[in-house]
């Protein structure tokens, strides 16, 4: 999630999905933690995030930042202990 300047001189949020798919697979893999999910799950997550953002932008941004910090902390802890199994 980044703040980017929009065409009217203000700022807008830009969300970069953390999931990518590889050739020959139907699953999506999180680039941050390695979680594998289906395409349907990524679409549901995107729709839920969009609805949440439209109903409460400030709360959604705060929650996303908190979740991102928690995830980063967990990934760092796992890496110190040798990574996820």
PDB file of N, CA and C in Angstrom:
ATOM      1  N   UNK A   1       0.848  -1.164   0.000  1.00  0.00           N
ATOM      2  CA  UNK A   1       0.000   0.000   0.000  1.00  0.00           C
ATOM      3  C   UNK A   1       0.900   1.235   0.000  1.00  0.00           C
ATOM      4  N   UNK A   2       0.691   2.117  -0.963  1.00  0.00           N
ATOM      5  CA  UNK A   2       1.490   3.332  -1.081  1.00  0.00           C
ATOM      6  C   UNK A   2       0.576   4.518  -1.352  1.00  0.00           C
ATOM      7  N   UNK A   3       1.003   5.684  -0.915  1.00  0.00           N
ATOM      8  CA  UNK A   3       0.325   6.917  -1.288  1.00  0.00           C
ATOM      9  C   UNK A   3       0.952   7.413  -2.582  1.00  0.00           C
ATOM     10  N   UNK A   4       0.121   7.671  -3.571  1.00  0.00           N
ATOM     11  CA  UNK A   4       0.609   8.178  -4.845  1.00  0.00           C
ATOM     12  C   UNK A   4      -0.150   9.447  -5.192  1.00  0.00           C
ATOM     13  N   UNK A   5       0.506  10.329  -5.912  1.00  0.00           N
ATOM     14  CA  UNK A   5      -0.138  11.578  -6.315  1.00  0.00           C
ATOM     15  C   UNK A   5      -1.083  11.303  -7.475  1.00  0.00           C
ATOM     16  N   UNK A   6      -2.313  11.819  -7.375  1.00  0.00           N
ATOM     17  CA  UNK A   6      -3.265  11.612  -8.465  1.00  0.00           C
ATOM     18  C   UNK A   6      -3.231  12.800  -9.417  1.00  0.00           C
ATOM     19  N   UNK A   7      -4.068  12.766 -10.439  1.00  0.00           N
ATOM     20  CA  UNK A   7      -4.009  13.771 -11.496  1.00  0.00           C
ATOM     21  C   UNK A   7      -4.607  15.117 -11.101  1.00  0.00           C
ATOM     22  N   UNK A   8      -5.227  15.250  -9.950  1.00  0.00           N
ATOM     23  CA  UNK A   8      -5.786  16.538  -9.525  1.00  0.00           C
ATOM     24  C   UNK A   8      -4.949  17.180  -8.416  1.00  0.00           C
ATOM     25  N   UNK A   9      -3.753  16.673  -8.196  1.00  0.00           N
ATOM     26  CA  UNK A   9      -2.849  17.257  -7.219  1.00  0.00           C
ATOM     27  C   UNK A   9      -2.993  16.714  -5.810  1.00  0.00           C
ATOM     28  N   UNK A  10      -3.928  15.811  -5.595  1.00  0.00           N
ATOM     29  CA  UNK A  10      -4.105  15.193  -4.281  1.00  0.00           C
ATOM     30  C   UNK A  10      -3.375  13.867  -4.212  1.00  0.00           C
ATOM     31  N   UNK A  11      -3.679  13.122  -3.179  1.00  0.00           N
ATOM     32  CA  UNK A  11      -3.049  11.823  -3.015  1.00  0.00           C
ATOM     33  C   UNK A  11      -4.099  10.728  -3.026  1.00  0.00           C
ATOM     34  N   UNK A  12      -3.722   9.567  -3.492  1.00  0.00           N
ATOM     35  CA  UNK A  12      -4.600   8.405  -3.526  1.00  0.00           C
ATOM     36  C   UNK A  12      -3.801   7.200  -3.051  1.00  0.00           C
ATOM     37  N   UNK A  13      -4.514   6.198  -2.582  1.00  0.00           N
ATOM     38  CA  UNK A  13      -3.857   4.967  -2.164  1.00  0.00           C
ATOM     39  C   UNK A  13      -3.716   4.034  -3.357  1.00  0.00           C
ATOM     40  N   UNK A  14      -2.567   3.402  -3.454  1.00  0.00           N
ATOM     41  CA  UNK A  14      -2.325   2.409  -4.481  1.00  0.00           C
ATOM     42  C   UNK A  14      -2.032   1.095  -3.773  1.00  0.00           C
ATOM     43  N   UNK A  15      -2.831   0.071  -4.070  1.00  0.00           N
ATOM     44  CA  UNK A  15      -2.634  -1.241  -3.466  1.00  0.00           C
ATOM     45  C   UNK A  15      -1.955  -2.154  -4.464  1.00  0.00           C
ATOM     46  N   UNK A  16      -0.879  -2.762  -4.041  1.00  0.00           N
ATOM     47  CA  UNK A  16      -0.183  -3.745  -4.861  1.00  0.00           C
ATOM     48  C   UNK A  16      -0.506  -5.120  -4.285  1.00  0.00           C
ATOM     49  N   UNK A  17      -1.139  -5.985  -5.062  1.00  0.00           N
ATOM     50  CA  UNK A  17      -1.461  -7.304  -4.530  1.00  0.00           C
ATOM     51  C   UNK A  17      -0.205  -8.071  -4.151  1.00  0.00           C
ATOM     52  N   UNK A  18      -0.288  -8.819  -3.078  1.00  0.00           N
ATOM     53  CA  UNK A  18       0.854  -9.604  -2.612  1.00  0.00           C
ATOM     54  C   UNK A  18       0.864 -10.993  -3.228  1.00  0.00           C
ATOM     55  N   UNK A  19      -0.156 -11.321  -4.029  1.00  0.00           N
ATOM     56  CA  UNK A  19      -0.252 -12.664  -4.594  1.00  0.00           C
ATOM     57  C   UNK A  19       0.195 -12.677  -6.048  1.00  0.00           C
ATOM     58  N   UNK A  20       0.909 -13.737  -6.403  1.00  0.00           N
ATOM     59  CA  UNK A  20       1.308 -13.945  -7.800  1.00  0.00           C
ATOM     60  C   UNK A  20       1.089 -15.414  -8.132  1.00  0.00           C
ATOM     61  N   UNK A  21       0.912 -15.689  -9.403  1.00  0.00           N
ATOM     62  CA  UNK A  21       0.714 -17.068  -9.850  1.00  0.00           C
ATOM     63  C   UNK A  21       1.866 -17.456 -10.770  1.00  0.00           C
ATOM     64  N   UNK A  22       2.150 -18.733 -10.792  1.00  0.00           N
ATOM     65  CA  UNK A  22       3.233 -19.238 -11.629  1.00  0.00           C
ATOM     66  C   UNK A  22       2.649 -19.995 -12.812  1.00  0.00           C
ATOM     67  N   UNK A  23       3.366 -20.036 -13.889  1.00  0.00           N
ATOM     68  CA  UNK A  23       2.917 -20.724 -15.096  1.00  0.00           C
ATOM     69  C   UNK A  23       2.671 -22.199 -14.764  1.00  0.00           C
ATOM     70  N   UNK A  24       1.524 -22.693 -15.192  1.00  0.00           N
ATOM     71  CA  UNK A  24       1.209 -24.105 -15.001  1.00  0.00           C
ATOM     72  C   UNK A  24       0.486 -24.416 -13.705  1.00  0.00           C
ATOM     73  N   UNK A  25       0.203 -23.403 -12.883  1.00  0.00           N
ATOM     74  CA  UNK A  25      -0.522 -23.641 -11.639  1.00  0.00           C
ATOM     75  C   UNK A  25      -1.770 -22.763 -11.601  1.00  0.00           C
ATOM     76  N   UNK A  26      -2.735 -23.181 -10.819  1.00  0.00           N
ATOM     77  CA  UNK A  26      -3.937 -22.402 -10.628  1.00  0.00           C
ATOM     78  C   UNK A  26      -3.916 -21.666  -9.289  1.00  0.00           C
ATOM     79  N   UNK A  27      -2.973 -22.014  -8.430  1.00  0.00           N
ATOM     80  CA  UNK A  27      -2.875 -21.388  -7.118  1.00  0.00           C
ATOM     81  C   UNK A  27      -2.099 -20.080  -7.186  1.00  0.00           C
ATOM     82  N   UNK A  28      -2.391 -19.213  -6.239  1.00  0.00           N
ATOM     83  CA  UNK A  28      -1.664 -17.960  -6.084  1.00  0.00           C
ATOM     84  C   UNK A  28      -0.810 -18.072  -4.832  1.00  0.00           C
ATOM     85  N   UNK A  29       0.400 -17.521  -4.883  1.00  0.00           N
ATOM     86  CA  UNK A  29       1.325 -17.574  -3.768  1.00  0.00           C
ATOM     87  C   UNK A  29       1.598 -16.161  -3.273  1.00  0.00           C
ATOM     88  N   UNK A  30       1.531 -15.973  -1.947  1.00  0.00           N
ATOM     89  CA  UNK A  30       1.835 -14.678  -1.364  1.00  0.00           C
ATOM     90  C   UNK A  30       3.342 -14.433  -1.468  1.00  0.00           C
ATOM     91  N   UNK A  31       3.725 -13.280  -1.991  1.00  0.00           N
ATOM     92  CA  UNK A  31       5.141 -12.957  -2.160  1.00  0.00           C
ATOM     93  C   UNK A  31       5.818 -12.684  -0.824  1.00  0.00           C
ATOM     94  N   UNK A  32       5.031 -12.369   0.217  1.00  0.00           N
ATOM     95  CA  UNK A  32       5.619 -12.045   1.514  1.00  0.00           C
ATOM     96  C   UNK A  32       5.798 -13.267   2.396  1.00  0.00           C
ATOM     97  N   UNK A  33       4.759 -14.134   2.472  1.00  0.00           N
ATOM     98  CA  UNK A  33       4.818 -15.225   3.447  1.00  0.00           C
ATOM     99  C   UNK A  33       4.796 -16.614   2.825  1.00  0.00           C
ATOM    100  N   UNK A  34       4.502 -16.729   1.525  1.00  0.00           N
ATOM    101  CA  UNK A  34       4.499 -18.025   0.871  1.00  0.00           C
ATOM    102  C   UNK A  34       3.177 -18.767   0.940  1.00  0.00           C
ATOM    103  N   UNK A  35       2.134 -18.173   1.509  1.00  0.00           N
ATOM    104  CA  UNK A  35       0.819 -18.796   1.590  1.00  0.00           C
ATOM    105  C   UNK A  35       0.283 -19.070   0.193  1.00  0.00           C
ATOM    106  N   UNK A  36      -0.271 -20.273  -0.028  1.00  0.00           N
ATOM    107  CA  UNK A  36      -0.839 -20.628  -1.327  1.00  0.00           C
ATOM    108  C   UNK A  36      -2.353 -20.673  -1.202  1.00  0.00           C
ATOM    109  N   UNK A  37      -3.034 -19.929  -2.064  1.00  0.00           N
ATOM    110  CA  UNK A  37      -4.496 -19.877  -2.054  1.00  0.00           C
ATOM    111  C   UNK A  37      -5.009 -19.956  -3.484  1.00  0.00           C
ATOM    112  N   UNK A  38      -6.324 -20.168  -3.610  1.00  0.00           N
ATOM    113  CA  UNK A  38      -6.938 -20.250  -4.932  1.00  0.00           C
ATOM    114  C   UNK A  38      -7.216 -18.853  -5.481  1.00  0.00           C
ATOM    115  N   UNK A  39      -7.505 -18.794  -6.773  1.00  0.00           N
ATOM    116  CA  UNK A  39      -7.846 -17.521  -7.400  1.00  0.00           C
ATOM    117  C   UNK A  39      -9.117 -16.948  -6.778  1.00  0.00           C
ATOM    118  N   UNK A  40     -10.069 -17.818  -6.473  1.00  0.00           N
ATOM    119  CA  UNK A  40     -11.320 -17.378  -5.863  1.00  0.00           C
ATOM    120  C   UNK A  40     -11.051 -16.688  -4.518  1.00  0.00           C
ATOM    121  N   UNK A  41     -10.143 -17.237  -3.733  1.00  0.00           N
ATOM    122  CA  UNK A  41      -9.823 -16.637  -2.429  1.00  0.00           C
ATOM    123  C   UNK A  41      -9.206 -15.249  -2.592  1.00  0.00           C
ATOM    124  N   UNK A  42      -8.356 -15.069  -3.597  1.00  0.00           N
ATOM    125  CA  UNK A  42      -7.757 -13.746  -3.801  1.00  0.00           C
ATOM    126  C   UNK A  42      -8.797 -12.741  -4.259  1.00  0.00           C
ATOM    127  N   UNK A  43      -9.753 -13.189  -5.086  1.00  0.00           N
ATOM    128  CA  UNK A  43     -10.821 -12.288  -5.528  1.00  0.00           C
ATOM    129  C   UNK A  43     -11.716 -11.885  -4.367  1.00  0.00           C
ATOM    130  N   UNK A  44     -12.052 -12.848  -3.488  1.00  0.00           N
ATOM    131  CA  UNK A  44     -12.872 -12.546  -2.312  1.00  0.00           C
ATOM    132  C   UNK A  44     -12.163 -11.562  -1.396  1.00  0.00           C
ATOM    133  N   UNK A  45     -10.876 -11.750  -1.198  1.00  0.00           N
ATOM    134  CA  UNK A  45     -10.099 -10.845  -0.364  1.00  0.00           C
ATOM    135  C   UNK A  45     -10.098  -9.437  -0.937  1.00  0.00           C
ATOM    136  N   UNK A  46      -9.920  -9.322  -2.241  1.00  0.00           N
ATOM    137  CA  UNK A  46      -9.930  -8.013  -2.898  1.00  0.00           C
ATOM    138  C   UNK A  46     -11.268  -7.307  -2.775  1.00  0.00           C
ATOM    139  N   UNK A  47     -12.356  -8.061  -2.972  1.00  0.00           N
ATOM    140  CA  UNK A  47     -13.694  -7.461  -2.847  1.00  0.00           C
ATOM    141  C   UNK A  47     -13.976  -7.015  -1.419  1.00  0.00           C
ATOM    142  N   UNK A  48     -13.571  -7.837  -0.442  1.00  0.00           N
ATOM    143  CA  UNK A  48     -13.788  -7.484   0.965  1.00  0.00           C
ATOM    144  C   UNK A  48     -12.997  -6.224   1.328  1.00  0.00           C
ATOM    145  N   UNK A  49     -11.765  -6.135   0.851  1.00  0.00           N
ATOM    146  CA  UNK A  49     -10.943  -4.964   1.115  1.00  0.00           C
ATOM    147  C   UNK A  49     -11.542  -3.719   0.474  1.00  0.00           C
ATOM    148  N   UNK A  50     -12.039  -3.850  -0.742  1.00  0.00           N
ATOM    149  CA  UNK A  50     -12.645  -2.718  -1.438  1.00  0.00           C
ATOM    150  C   UNK A  50     -13.903  -2.228  -0.714  1.00  0.00           C
ATOM    151  N   UNK A  51     -14.770  -3.154  -0.280  1.00  0.00           N
ATOM    152  CA  UNK A  51     -15.974  -2.767   0.459  1.00  0.00           C
ATOM    153  C   UNK A  51     -15.604  -2.084   1.766  1.00  0.00           C
ATOM    154  N   UNK A  52     -14.623  -2.618   2.461  1.00  0.00           N
ATOM    155  CA  UNK A  52     -14.184  -2.039   3.726  1.00  0.00           C
ATOM    156  C   UNK A  52     -13.627  -0.636   3.511  1.00  0.00           C
ATOM    157  N   UNK A  53     -12.856  -0.466   2.447  1.00  0.00           N
ATOM    158  CA  UNK A  53     -12.259   0.837   2.168  1.00  0.00           C
ATOM    159  C   UNK A  53     -13.320   1.876   1.847  1.00  0.00           C
ATOM    160  N   UNK A  54     -14.356   1.487   1.101  1.00  0.00           N
ATOM    161  CA  UNK A  54     -15.417   2.431   0.744  1.00  0.00           C
ATOM    162  C   UNK A  54     -16.276   2.815   1.944  1.00  0.00           C
ATOM    163  N   UNK A  55     -16.454   1.902   2.893  1.00  0.00           N
ATOM    164  CA  UNK A  55     -17.293   2.213   4.044  1.00  0.00           C
ATOM    165  C   UNK A  55     -16.532   2.965   5.137  1.00  0.00           C
ATOM    166  N   UNK A  56     -15.231   2.685   5.303  1.00  0.00           N
ATOM    167  CA  UNK A  56     -14.442   3.334   6.362  1.00  0.00           C
ATOM    168  C   UNK A  56     -12.985   3.454   5.914  1.00  0.00           C
ATOM    169  N   UNK A  57     -12.663   4.458   5.085  1.00  0.00           N
ATOM    170  CA  UNK A  57     -11.296   4.558   4.542  1.00  0.00           C
ATOM    171  C   UNK A  57     -10.217   4.681   5.614  1.00  0.00           C
ATOM    172  N   UNK A  58     -10.415   5.558   6.585  1.00  0.00           N
ATOM    173  CA  UNK A  58      -9.379   5.768   7.604  1.00  0.00           C
ATOM    174  C   UNK A  58      -9.164   4.516   8.445  1.00  0.00           C
ATOM    175  N   UNK A  59     -10.245   3.886   8.850  1.00  0.00           N
ATOM    176  CA  UNK A  59     -10.141   2.669   9.651  1.00  0.00           C
ATOM    177  C   UNK A  59      -9.489   1.537   8.882  1.00  0.00           C
ATOM    178  N   UNK A  60      -9.803   1.426   7.595  1.00  0.00           N
ATOM    179  CA  UNK A  60      -9.231   0.377   6.764  1.00  0.00           C
ATOM    180  C   UNK A  60      -7.730   0.580   6.599  1.00  0.00           C
ATOM    181  N   UNK A  61      -7.323   1.808   6.371  1.00  0.00           N
ATOM    182  CA  UNK A  61      -5.891   2.101   6.213  1.00  0.00           C
ATOM    183  C   UNK A  61      -5.146   1.778   7.502  1.00  0.00           C
ATOM    184  N   UNK A  62      -5.706   2.202   8.628  1.00  0.00           N
ATOM    185  CA  UNK A  62      -5.078   1.918   9.923  1.00  0.00           C
ATOM    186  C   UNK A  62      -4.961   0.418  10.141  1.00  0.00           C
ATOM    187  N   UNK A  63      -6.033  -0.314   9.859  1.00  0.00           N
ATOM    188  CA  UNK A  63      -6.009  -1.765  10.048  1.00  0.00           C
ATOM    189  C   UNK A  63      -5.003  -2.437   9.122  1.00  0.00           C
ATOM    190  N   UNK A  64      -4.925  -1.988   7.871  1.00  0.00           N
ATOM    191  CA  UNK A  64      -3.958  -2.561   6.935  1.00  0.00           C
ATOM    192  C   UNK A  64      -2.523  -2.327   7.401  1.00  0.00           C
ATOM    193  N   UNK A  65      -2.259  -1.146   7.905  1.00  0.00           N
ATOM    194  CA  UNK A  65      -0.896  -0.860   8.398  1.00  0.00           C
ATOM    195  C   UNK A  65      -0.558  -1.714   9.614  1.00  0.00           C
ATOM    196  N   UNK A  66      -1.527  -1.886  10.514  1.00  0.00           N
ATOM    197  CA  UNK A  66      -1.299  -2.728  11.691  1.00  0.00           C
ATOM    198  C   UNK A  66      -1.073  -4.181  11.272  1.00  0.00           C
ATOM    199  N   UNK A  67      -1.905  -4.677  10.355  1.00  0.00           N
ATOM    200  CA  UNK A  67      -1.751  -6.048   9.870  1.00  0.00           C
ATOM    201  C   UNK A  67      -0.415  -6.242   9.168  1.00  0.00           C
ATOM    202  N   UNK A  68      -0.001  -5.247   8.389  1.00  0.00           N
ATOM    203  CA  UNK A  68       1.274  -5.337   7.683  1.00  0.00           C
ATOM    204  C   UNK A  68       2.434  -5.383   8.681  1.00  0.00           C
ATOM    205  N   UNK A  69       2.363  -4.573   9.726  1.00  0.00           N
ATOM    206  CA  UNK A  69       3.418  -4.572  10.742  1.00  0.00           C
ATOM    207  C   UNK A  69       3.474  -5.920  11.465  1.00  0.00           C
ATOM    208  N   UNK A  70       2.313  -6.484  11.800  1.00  0.00           N
ATOM    209  CA  UNK A  70       2.271  -7.789  12.467  1.00  0.00           C
ATOM    210  C   UNK A  70       2.837  -8.882  11.570  1.00  0.00           C
ATOM    211  N   UNK A  71       2.471  -8.847  10.291  1.00  0.00           N
ATOM    212  CA  UNK A  71       2.950  -9.859   9.352  1.00  0.00           C
ATOM    213  C   UNK A  71       4.459  -9.756   9.177  1.00  0.00           C
ATOM    214  N   UNK A  72       4.959  -8.538   9.045  1.00  0.00           N
ATOM    215  CA  UNK A  72       6.402  -8.333   8.899  1.00  0.00           C
ATOM    216  C   UNK A  72       7.139  -8.854  10.120  1.00  0.00           C
ATOM    217  N   UNK A  73       6.610  -8.584  11.293  1.00  0.00           N
ATOM    218  CA  UNK A  73       7.235  -9.041  12.538  1.00  0.00           C
ATOM    219  C   UNK A  73       7.253 -10.569  12.603  1.00  0.00           C
ATOM    220  N   UNK A  74       6.139 -11.200  12.212  1.00  0.00           N
ATOM    221  CA  UNK A  74       6.064 -12.654  12.222  1.00  0.00           C
ATOM    222  C   UNK A  74       7.032 -13.267  11.215  1.00  0.00           C
ATOM    223  N   UNK A  75       7.115 -12.699  10.020  1.00  0.00           N
ATOM    224  CA  UNK A  75       8.036 -13.217   9.004  1.00  0.00           C
ATOM    225  C   UNK A  75       9.481 -13.102   9.480  1.00  0.00           C
ATOM    226  N   UNK A  76       9.826 -11.971  10.089  1.00  0.00           N
ATOM    227  CA  UNK A  76      11.188 -11.799  10.610  1.00  0.00           C
ATOM    228  C   UNK A  76      11.486 -12.827  11.693  1.00  0.00           C
ATOM    229  N   UNK A  77      10.516 -13.088  12.559  1.00  0.00           N
ATOM    230  CA  UNK A  77      10.704 -14.077  13.623  1.00  0.00           C
ATOM    231  C   UNK A  77      10.907 -15.468  13.031  1.00  0.00           C
ATOM    232  N   UNK A  78      10.077 -15.831  12.045  1.00  0.00           N
ATOM    233  CA  UNK A  78      10.235 -17.136  11.402  1.00  0.00           C
ATOM    234  C   UNK A  78      11.594 -17.261  10.720  1.00  0.00           C
ATOM    235  N   UNK A  79      12.035 -16.186  10.068  1.00  0.00           N
ATOM    236  CA  UNK A  79      13.331 -16.235   9.396  1.00  0.00           C
ATOM    237  C   UNK A  79      14.477 -16.390  10.384  1.00  0.00           C
ATOM    238  N   UNK A  80      14.373 -15.769  11.554  1.00  0.00           N
ATOM    239  CA  UNK A  80      15.417 -15.940  12.573  1.00  0.00           C
ATOM    240  C   UNK A  80      15.478 -17.368  13.070  1.00  0.00           C
ATOM    241  N   UNK A  81      14.351 -18.050  13.058  1.00  0.00           N
ATOM    242  CA  UNK A  81      14.289 -19.435  13.544  1.00  0.00           C
ATOM    243  C   UNK A  81      14.473 -20.462  12.428  1.00  0.00           C
ATOM    244  N   UNK A  82      14.857 -20.014  11.257  1.00  0.00           N
ATOM    245  CA  UNK A  82      15.148 -20.936  10.166  1.00  0.00           C
ATOM    246  C   UNK A  82      14.080 -21.020   9.102  1.00  0.00           C
ATOM    247  N   UNK A  83      13.069 -20.181   9.178  1.00  0.00           N
ATOM    248  CA  UNK A  83      12.031 -20.159   8.154  1.00  0.00           C
ATOM    249  C   UNK A  83      10.879 -21.088   8.465  1.00  0.00           C
ATOM    250  N   UNK A  84       9.824 -20.938   7.688  1.00  0.00           N
ATOM    251  CA  UNK A  84       8.635 -21.765   7.858  1.00  0.00           C
ATOM    252  C   UNK A  84       8.918 -23.170   7.360  1.00  0.00           C
ATOM    253  N   UNK A  85       8.250 -24.178   7.942  1.00  0.00           N
ATOM    254  CA  UNK A  85       8.478 -25.563   7.508  1.00  0.00           C
ATOM    255  C   UNK A  85       7.992 -25.806   6.099  1.00  0.00           C
TER     256      UNK A  85
END
